[in-house]
Amino acid sequence: MPILRRFALGAPLLALLGTAAAAQPVPPFPQPPVLPVPPHSGYVALDGVRLGYGEFGTGPVVLLIEGGLGSGENWAYLAP
């Protein structure tokens, strides 16, 4: 019986501590660096959708496409 009594007293305490830890705010994500001005940029119309593009650097072409709630600023860490 003492084991059940300990569990009955300990379980609510653990639940209370768990909710206090979960209530801590999540720190915000750091802002990405400002994307440099591309030497060449423009827009392309594709199936009625206007897509903006920017060309950065030299060498082989690499196509970076953001998705979901992202934007082109997601790639600012990769632009030269």
Protein backbone atom coordinates (compact mmCIF):
# COMPACT_ATOMS: atom_id res chain seq x y z
CA MET A 1 0.00 0.00 0.00
CA PRO A 2 2.78 2.57 0.67
CA ILE A 3 3.95 2.22 -2.93
CA LEU A 4 0.51 3.15 -4.28
CA ARG A 5 0.32 6.09 -1.89
CA ARG A 6 3.71 7.37 -3.07
CA PHE A 7 2.62 7.03 -6.68
CA ALA A 8 -0.65 8.83 -5.97
CA LEU A 9 1.25 11.75 -4.45
CA GLY A 10 4.11 11.76 -6.94
CA ALA A 11 2.15 11.60 -10.20
CA PRO A 12 0.40 14.98 -9.81
CA LEU A 13 3.68 16.58 -8.79
CA LEU A 14 5.40 15.26 -11.92
CA ALA A 15 2.49 16.45 -14.07
CA LEU A 16 2.74 19.91 -12.52
CA LEU A 17 6.49 20.09 -13.13
CA GLY A 18 6.03 18.89 -16.71
CA THR A 19 3.51 21.62 -17.53
CA ALA A 20 5.76 24.28 -15.98
CA ALA A 21 8.65 23.18 -18.19
CA ALA A 22 6.42 23.13 -21.26
CA ALA A 23 5.22 26.69 -20.57
CA GLN A 24 8.68 28.16 -21.23
CA PRO A 25 8.65 30.28 -24.41
CA VAL A 26 10.57 29.01 -27.40
CA PRO A 27 13.33 31.41 -28.47
CA PRO A 28 12.77 32.96 -31.92
CA PHE A 29 14.73 31.83 -34.94
CA PRO A 30 17.60 34.13 -35.91
CA GLN A 31 16.92 36.36 -38.89
CA PRO A 32 18.76 35.34 -42.09
CA PRO A 33 21.33 37.75 -43.48
CA VAL A 34 20.18 40.24 -46.09
CA LEU A 35 20.34 38.73 -49.57
CA PRO A 36 22.89 40.62 -51.71
CA VAL A 37 21.69 42.39 -54.86
CA PRO A 38 22.10 39.90 -57.73
CA PRO A 39 24.04 41.04 -60.82
CA HIS A 40 21.25 39.56 -62.99
CA SER A 41 17.62 39.12 -61.98
CA GLY A 42 14.20 39.11 -63.52
CA TYR A 43 10.89 37.30 -63.83
CA VAL A 44 9.72 34.32 -65.87
CA ALA A 45 6.07 33.52 -66.63
CA LEU A 46 5.32 29.81 -66.44
CA ASP A 47 1.78 28.50 -66.79
CA GLY A 48 0.35 31.82 -65.67
CA VAL A 49 2.64 32.03 -62.63
CA ARG A 50 5.20 34.83 -62.39
CA LEU A 51 8.45 33.54 -60.88
CA GLY A 52 11.27 35.82 -59.80
CA TYR A 53 14.89 34.74 -60.09
CA GLY A 54 18.34 36.03 -59.27
CA GLU A 55 21.73 34.90 -60.57
CA PHE A 56 24.61 34.82 -58.09
CA GLY A 57 28.22 33.72 -58.47
CA THR A 58 29.90 31.78 -61.25
CA GLY A 59 30.26 28.14 -62.18
CA PRO A 60 27.72 25.40 -62.77
CA VAL A 61 24.06 26.32 -62.42
CA VAL A 62 22.39 25.33 -59.16
CA LEU A 63 18.63 25.82 -58.86
CA LEU A 64 17.42 26.52 -55.31
CA ILE A 65 13.66 26.41 -54.80
CA GLU A 66 12.03 27.36 -51.53
CA GLY A 67 8.90 25.63 -50.38
CA GLY A 68 6.18 25.78 -47.82
CA LEU A 69 6.26 29.08 -45.98
CA GLY A 70 9.82 29.86 -47.10
CA SER A 71 11.15 32.58 -49.36
CA GLY A 72 14.26 33.28 -51.39
CA GLU A 73 15.83 34.74 -48.25
CA ASN A 74 16.27 31.16 -47.03
CA TRP A 75 19.23 30.91 -49.40
CA ALA A 76 20.99 34.09 -48.19
CA TYR A 77 23.55 31.99 -46.31
CA LEU A 78 24.55 30.35 -49.61
CA ALA A 79 24.79 33.44 -51.84
CA PRO A 80 28.36 34.65 -52.45
